[in-house]
Amino acid sequence: MSIMLDESIMGIWYVHLSETFDVMISLAREGEGYKLTGRTRTYNSLDPWDEKDRKHWFSIPVKAANDNDAATFCRRFIADGSLAFCKEMRIGGAVPIHELIRGKQTPEEFGKLLMSMPWAHMQEVKTH
């Protein structure tokens, strides 16, 4: 599973909870509704492509009346999840949650913005 930067992508949220754990989610349009796709990652090393990192992917449908409500759901989802992980990992204090909303950008423009973030790592996938 992965986060696709295509015409359906609406936004990405990221939180780095510790030196060895982070969470990323995305919001995309799907049919008449929305879909949240995300992953947690426990690092084996500082190499973002380390195949020994443990990743857990998940995807859930989001029922929302409009784009703003769907984005609000994602903000709450990652904030509530981050608080829960902090508690479970005994991390004190608030952690910054990074948010990128695509808006009127093309997927290519959004991808460039995403790649300029110090926390983002992306692989180009060949489709043929």
N, C-alpha and C. Protein backbone atom coordinates (compact mmCIF):
# COMPACT_ATOMS: atom_id res chain seq x y z
N MET A 1 0.86 -1.16 0.00
CA MET A 1 0.00 0.00 0.00
C MET A 1 0.91 1.23 0.00
N SER A 2 0.42 2.32 -0.54
CA SER A 2 1.20 3.56 -0.53
C SER A 2 0.26 4.75 -0.69
N ILE A 3 0.82 5.92 -0.52
CA ILE A 3 0.07 7.16 -0.71
C ILE A 3 0.34 7.63 -2.13
N MET A 4 -0.71 7.72 -2.92
CA MET A 4 -0.57 8.09 -4.32
C MET A 4 -0.80 9.59 -4.50
N LEU A 5 0.07 10.21 -5.27
CA LEU A 5 -0.08 11.63 -5.59
C LEU A 5 -0.69 11.74 -6.98
N ASP A 6 -2.00 11.56 -7.03
CA ASP A 6 -2.72 11.65 -8.29
C ASP A 6 -3.83 12.69 -8.15
N GLU A 7 -4.75 12.74 -9.09
CA GLU A 7 -5.81 13.76 -9.08
C GLU A 7 -6.72 13.66 -7.86
N SER A 8 -6.75 12.50 -7.20
CA SER A 8 -7.65 12.34 -6.05
C SER A 8 -7.07 12.87 -4.74
N ILE A 9 -5.74 13.08 -4.68
CA ILE A 9 -5.10 13.48 -3.41
C ILE A 9 -5.55 14.87 -2.98
N MET A 10 -5.88 15.00 -1.69
CA MET A 10 -6.33 16.29 -1.15
C MET A 10 -5.37 16.85 -0.11
N GLY A 11 -4.73 15.97 0.66
CA GLY A 11 -3.85 16.46 1.71
C GLY A 11 -3.05 15.35 2.34
N ILE A 12 -1.98 15.76 3.05
CA ILE A 12 -1.11 14.82 3.76
C ILE A 12 -0.80 15.42 5.14
N TRP A 13 -0.80 14.57 6.16
CA TRP A 13 -0.44 14.96 7.52
C TRP A 13 0.67 14.03 7.99
N TYR A 14 1.60 14.59 8.76
CA TYR A 14 2.74 13.81 9.23
C TYR A 14 3.08 14.24 10.65
N VAL A 15 3.41 13.27 11.47
CA VAL A 15 3.87 13.55 12.83
C VAL A 15 5.02 12.61 13.16
N HIS A 16 6.10 13.20 13.66
CA HIS A 16 7.30 12.46 14.07
C HIS A 16 7.24 12.38 15.60
N LEU A 17 6.91 11.20 16.10
CA LEU A 17 6.65 11.06 17.54
C LEU A 17 7.88 10.76 18.37
N SER A 18 8.87 10.15 17.76
CA SER A 18 10.11 9.87 18.47
C SER A 18 11.19 9.64 17.43
N GLU A 19 12.41 9.42 17.89
CA GLU A 19 13.51 9.16 16.94
C GLU A 19 13.29 7.87 16.16
N THR A 20 12.39 7.03 16.64
CA THR A 20 12.19 5.74 15.98
C THR A 20 10.75 5.49 15.53
N PHE A 21 9.88 6.50 15.56
CA PHE A 21 8.47 6.25 15.23
C PHE A 21 7.82 7.48 14.62
N ASP A 22 7.09 7.28 13.50
CA ASP A 22 6.31 8.37 12.91
C ASP A 22 5.01 7.84 12.32
N VAL A 23 4.12 8.78 11.99
CA VAL A 23 2.82 8.46 11.40
C VAL A 23 2.57 9.43 10.25
N MET A 24 2.06 8.91 9.14
CA MET A 24 1.67 9.75 8.02
C MET A 24 0.30 9.29 7.53
N ILE A 25 -0.57 10.25 7.22
CA ILE A 25 -1.86 9.91 6.63
C ILE A 25 -2.10 10.82 5.43
N SER A 26 -2.96 10.34 4.54
CA SER A 26 -3.37 11.16 3.41
C SER A 26 -4.89 11.11 3.30
N LEU A 27 -5.43 12.11 2.64
CA LEU A 27 -6.86 12.18 2.35
C LEU A 27 -7.01 12.25 0.84
N ALA A 28 -7.87 11.41 0.31
CA ALA A 28 -8.12 11.40 -1.13
C ALA A 28 -9.61 11.25 -1.39
N ARG A 29 -10.04 11.77 -2.52
CA ARG A 29 -11.42 11.53 -2.94
C ARG A 29 -11.49 10.10 -3.46
N GLU A 30 -12.61 9.45 -3.16
CA GLU A 30 -12.82 8.09 -3.65
C GLU A 30 -14.30 7.94 -4.00
N GLY A 31 -14.58 7.85 -5.27
CA GLY A 31 -15.97 7.77 -5.71
C GLY A 31 -16.72 9.02 -5.27
N GLU A 32 -17.81 8.83 -4.56
CA GLU A 32 -18.62 9.94 -4.05
C GLU A 32 -18.16 10.39 -2.67
N GLY A 33 -17.15 9.73 -2.12
CA GLY A 33 -16.72 10.05 -0.77
C GLY A 33 -15.23 10.31 -0.67
N TYR A 34 -14.67 9.90 0.46
CA TYR A 34 -13.27 10.16 0.77
C TYR A 34 -12.63 8.92 1.37
N LYS A 35 -11.30 8.87 1.32
CA LYS A 35 -10.57 7.76 1.92
C LYS A 35 -9.33 8.30 2.62
N LEU A 36 -9.12 7.85 3.85
CA LEU A 36 -7.92 8.14 4.61
C LEU A 36 -7.01 6.93 4.46
N THR A 37 -5.77 7.16 4.02
CA THR A 37 -4.77 6.10 3.93
C THR A 37 -3.61 6.53 4.81
N GLY A 38 -3.08 5.61 5.56
CA GLY A 38 -1.98 5.99 6.44
C GLY A 38 -1.06 4.84 6.75
N ARG A 39 0.02 5.22 7.43
CA ARG A 39 0.95 4.21 7.89
C ARG A 39 1.68 4.69 9.13
N THR A 40 1.99 3.75 9.98
CA THR A 40 2.90 4.00 11.09
C THR A 40 4.22 3.36 10.69
N ARG A 41 5.31 3.92 11.19
CA ARG A 41 6.62 3.35 10.88
C ARG A 41 7.48 3.36 12.14
N THR A 42 8.04 2.20 12.44
CA THR A 42 9.05 2.06 13.47
C THR A 42 10.37 1.86 12.75
N TYR A 43 11.31 2.78 12.97
CA TYR A 43 12.57 2.79 12.25
C TYR A 43 13.52 1.71 12.74
N ASN A 44 14.20 1.08 11.79
CA ASN A 44 15.32 0.19 12.11
C ASN A 44 16.61 1.00 12.11
N SER A 45 16.68 2.01 11.22
CA SER A 45 17.86 2.87 11.10
C SER A 45 17.39 4.24 10.61
N LEU A 46 18.32 5.15 10.42
CA LEU A 46 17.97 6.48 9.92
C LEU A 46 17.76 6.51 8.41
N ASP A 47 18.03 5.43 7.71
CA ASP A 47 17.83 5.33 6.27
C ASP A 47 16.33 5.20 5.99
N PRO A 48 15.71 6.18 5.27
CA PRO A 48 14.26 6.11 5.03
C PRO A 48 13.85 4.94 4.14
N TRP A 49 14.80 4.31 3.45
CA TRP A 49 14.48 3.18 2.59
C TRP A 49 14.92 1.84 3.21
N ASP A 50 15.23 1.84 4.48
CA ASP A 50 15.64 0.62 5.17
C ASP A 50 14.49 -0.39 5.12
N GLU A 51 14.72 -1.52 4.50
CA GLU A 51 13.68 -2.53 4.35
C GLU A 51 13.33 -3.20 5.68
N LYS A 52 14.14 -2.97 6.70
CA LYS A 52 13.85 -3.57 8.00
C LYS A 52 12.95 -2.69 8.87
N ASP A 53 12.65 -1.46 8.41
CA ASP A 53 11.68 -0.64 9.12
C ASP A 53 10.37 -1.42 9.17
N ARG A 54 9.65 -1.31 10.28
CA ARG A 54 8.35 -1.96 10.40
C ARG A 54 7.28 -0.93 10.08
N LYS A 55 6.48 -1.20 9.05
CA LYS A 55 5.41 -0.30 8.64
C LYS A 55 4.07 -1.02 8.75
N HIS A 56 3.11 -0.29 9.25
CA HIS A 56 1.74 -0.80 9.33
C HIS A 56 0.87 0.15 8.51
N TRP A 57 0.29 -0.36 7.43
CA TRP A 57 -0.57 0.45 6.56
C TRP A 57 -2.03 0.21 6.91
N PHE A 58 -2.83 1.24 6.76
CA PHE A 58 -4.26 1.13 7.00
C PHE A 58 -5.01 2.08 6.08
N SER A 59 -6.27 1.79 5.85
CA SER A 59 -7.10 2.63 4.99
C SER A 59 -8.53 2.56 5.52
N ILE A 60 -9.16 3.72 5.63
CA ILE A 60 -10.54 3.75 6.11
C ILE A 60 -11.36 4.73 5.27
N PRO A 61 -12.62 4.39 5.02
CA PRO A 61 -13.48 5.36 4.33
C PRO A 61 -13.81 6.51 5.28
N VAL A 62 -13.93 7.70 4.73
CA VAL A 62 -14.28 8.88 5.53
C VAL A 62 -15.63 9.38 5.04
N LYS A 63 -16.59 9.41 5.95
CA LYS A 63 -17.91 9.95 5.61
C LYS A 63 -17.92 11.41 6.02
N ALA A 64 -18.07 12.28 5.04
CA ALA A 64 -18.06 13.71 5.30
C ALA A 64 -18.97 14.41 4.29
N ALA A 65 -19.57 15.50 4.72
CA ALA A 65 -20.48 16.25 3.85
C ALA A 65 -19.74 17.01 2.76
N ASN A 66 -18.46 17.37 3.03
CA ASN A 66 -17.72 18.17 2.05
C ASN A 66 -16.22 18.04 2.33
N ASP A 67 -15.42 18.70 1.47
CA ASP A 67 -13.96 18.62 1.59
C ASP A 67 -13.46 19.13 2.94
N ASN A 68 -14.03 20.24 3.41
CA ASN A 68 -13.59 20.80 4.69
C ASN A 68 -13.86 19.85 5.85
N ASP A 69 -15.03 19.22 5.85
CA ASP A 69 -15.34 18.26 6.91
C ASP A 69 -14.41 17.04 6.85
N ALA A 70 -14.08 16.60 5.64
CA ALA A 70 -13.17 15.46 5.49
C ALA A 70 -11.78 15.82 6.02
N ALA A 71 -11.28 17.02 5.71
CA ALA A 71 -9.97 17.46 6.21
C ALA A 71 -10.00 17.59 7.73
N THR A 72 -11.09 18.11 8.28
CA THR A 72 -11.23 18.23 9.73
C THR A 72 -11.17 16.85 10.39
N PHE A 73 -11.81 15.86 9.77
CA PHE A 73 -11.75 14.49 10.28
C PHE A 73 -10.29 14.02 10.35
N CYS A 74 -9.52 14.27 9.28
CA CYS A 74 -8.12 13.84 9.24
C CYS A 74 -7.29 14.55 10.31
N ARG A 75 -7.53 15.85 10.49
CA ARG A 75 -6.80 16.59 11.54
C ARG A 75 -7.05 15.97 12.91
N ARG A 76 -8.31 15.66 13.19
CA ARG A 76 -8.64 15.06 14.49
C ARG A 76 -8.06 13.66 14.61
N PHE A 77 -8.13 12.91 13.51
CA PHE A 77 -7.63 11.53 13.51
C PHE A 77 -6.16 11.50 13.88
N ILE A 78 -5.36 12.33 13.23
CA ILE A 78 -3.91 12.29 13.50
C ILE A 78 -3.59 12.93 14.85
N ALA A 79 -4.32 13.97 15.23
CA ALA A 79 -4.07 14.58 16.55
C ALA A 79 -4.43 13.61 17.66
N ASP A 80 -5.60 12.98 17.58
CA ASP A 80 -6.01 12.01 18.61
C ASP A 80 -5.08 10.81 18.63
N GLY A 81 -4.70 10.32 17.45
CA GLY A 81 -3.77 9.19 17.37
C GLY A 81 -2.41 9.53 17.94
N SER A 82 -1.95 10.76 17.65
CA SER A 82 -0.65 11.19 18.17
C SER A 82 -0.66 11.26 19.68
N LEU A 83 -1.76 11.77 20.24
CA LEU A 83 -1.88 11.82 21.70
C LEU A 83 -1.86 10.41 22.29
N ALA A 84 -2.57 9.49 21.64
CA ALA A 84 -2.61 8.11 22.12
C ALA A 84 -1.22 7.47 22.05
N PHE A 85 -0.52 7.67 20.93
CA PHE A 85 0.83 7.11 20.80
C PHE A 85 1.77 7.72 21.83
N CYS A 86 1.65 9.03 22.05
CA CYS A 86 2.50 9.69 23.05
C CYS A 86 2.30 9.06 24.42
N LYS A 87 1.05 8.82 24.76
CA LYS A 87 0.74 8.22 26.04
C LYS A 87 1.31 6.81 26.13
N GLU A 88 1.09 6.03 25.05
CA GLU A 88 1.57 4.65 25.02
C GLU A 88 3.09 4.60 25.08
N MET A 89 3.75 5.54 24.43
CA MET A 89 5.21 5.55 24.38
C MET A 89 5.82 6.38 25.51
N ARG A 90 4.96 6.95 26.36
CA ARG A 90 5.38 7.78 27.48
C ARG A 90 6.20 8.99 27.03
N ILE A 91 5.73 9.62 25.95
CA ILE A 91 6.35 10.84 25.45
C ILE A 91 5.57 12.01 26.02
N GLY A 92 6.26 12.96 26.60
CA GLY A 92 5.58 14.11 27.19
C GLY A 92 5.46 15.27 26.21
N GLY A 93 4.47 16.10 26.43
CA GLY A 93 4.32 17.32 25.64
C GLY A 93 3.72 17.11 24.27
N ALA A 94 3.37 18.23 23.64
CA ALA A 94 2.77 18.19 22.32
C ALA A 94 3.85 17.99 21.26
N VAL A 95 3.49 17.35 20.19
CA VAL A 95 4.39 17.17 19.06
C VAL A 95 3.81 17.91 17.85
N PRO A 96 4.67 18.49 17.01
CA PRO A 96 4.14 19.21 15.85
C PRO A 96 3.55 18.25 14.81
N ILE A 97 2.41 18.63 14.30
CA ILE A 97 1.77 17.88 13.22
C ILE A 97 1.91 18.73 11.97
N HIS A 98 2.51 18.15 10.95
CA HIS A 98 2.72 18.85 9.69
C HIS A 98 1.54 18.56 8.77
N GLU A 99 1.02 19.60 8.14
CA GLU A 99 -0.14 19.46 7.25
C GLU A 99 0.16 20.11 5.91
N LEU A 100 -0.13 19.39 4.83
CA LEU A 100 -0.05 19.95 3.48
C LEU A 100 -1.40 19.72 2.80
N ILE A 101 -2.03 20.79 2.38
CA ILE A 101 -3.31 20.71 1.68
C ILE A 101 -3.05 21.05 0.21
N ARG A 102 -3.52 20.22 -0.69
CA ARG A 102 -3.25 20.42 -2.11
C ARG A 102 -3.93 21.65 -2.69
N GLY A 103 -5.18 21.88 -2.33
CA GLY A 103 -5.90 23.03 -2.87
C GLY A 103 -5.98 22.97 -4.39
N LYS A 104 -5.59 24.03 -5.05
CA LYS A 104 -5.69 24.11 -6.51
C LYS A 104 -4.42 23.66 -7.24
N GLN A 105 -3.44 23.16 -6.50
CA GLN A 105 -2.20 22.69 -7.12
C GLN A 105 -2.45 21.43 -7.93
N THR A 106 -1.67 21.26 -8.98
CA THR A 106 -1.69 19.99 -9.71
C THR A 106 -1.02 18.94 -8.83
N PRO A 107 -1.24 17.66 -9.12
CA PRO A 107 -0.52 16.64 -8.35
C PRO A 107 1.00 16.81 -8.44
N GLU A 108 1.50 17.26 -9.60
CA GLU A 108 2.94 17.48 -9.76
C GLU A 108 3.42 18.61 -8.86
N GLU A 109 2.68 19.72 -8.83
CA GLU A 109 3.04 20.85 -7.96
C GLU A 109 2.99 20.44 -6.50
N PHE A 110 1.96 19.68 -6.14
CA PHE A 110 1.82 19.20 -4.76
C PHE A 110 2.98 18.28 -4.41
N GLY A 111 3.38 17.42 -5.34
CA GLY A 111 4.51 16.53 -5.11
C GLY A 111 5.80 17.29 -4.88
N LYS A 112 6.02 18.36 -5.64
CA LYS A 112 7.21 19.19 -5.44
C LYS A 112 7.19 19.85 -4.07
N LEU A 113 6.03 20.36 -3.68
CA LEU A 113 5.91 20.96 -2.33
C LEU A 113 6.19 19.91 -1.27
N LEU A 114 5.61 18.74 -1.42
CA LEU A 114 5.83 17.65 -0.47
C LEU A 114 7.31 17.30 -0.37
N MET A 115 7.98 17.21 -1.52
CA MET A 115 9.39 16.84 -1.52
C MET A 115 10.28 17.92 -0.90
N SER A 116 9.79 19.14 -0.80
CA SER A 116 10.58 20.19 -0.15
C SER A 116 10.52 20.13 1.37
N MET A 117 9.64 19.28 1.90
CA MET A 117 9.52 19.13 3.34
C MET A 117 10.66 18.26 3.86
N PRO A 118 11.30 18.66 4.96
CA PRO A 118 12.44 17.87 5.47
C PRO A 118 12.06 16.47 5.94
N TRP A 119 10.79 16.23 6.18
CA TRP A 119 10.34 14.94 6.67
C TRP A 119 9.84 14.02 5.56
N ALA A 120 9.83 14.47 4.32
CA ALA A 120 9.25 13.68 3.23
C ALA A 120 10.33 12.93 2.45
N HIS A 121 9.98 11.69 2.11
CA HIS A 121 10.83 10.85 1.27
C HIS A 121 9.90 10.18 0.27
N MET A 122 10.26 10.23 -1.00
CA MET A 122 9.35 9.71 -2.01
C MET A 122 10.15 8.93 -3.06
N GLN A 123 9.55 7.84 -3.51
CA GLN A 123 10.13 7.06 -4.59
C GLN A 123 9.25 7.23 -5.82
N GLU A 124 9.88 7.36 -6.98
CA GLU A 124 9.13 7.43 -8.22
C GLU A 124 8.82 6.00 -8.66
N VAL A 125 7.56 5.75 -8.98
CA VAL A 125 7.15 4.41 -9.40
C VAL A 125 6.98 4.39 -10.90
N LYS A 126 7.61 3.46 -11.54
CA LYS A 126 7.46 3.27 -13.00
C LYS A 126 6.23 2.41 -13.22
N THR A 127 5.35 2.84 -14.13
CA THR A 127 4.11 2.10 -14.35
C THR A 127 4.16 1.21 -15.58
N HIS A 128 5.29 1.14 -16.25
CA HIS A 128 5.38 0.26 -17.43
C HIS A 128 6.65 -0.57 -17.41
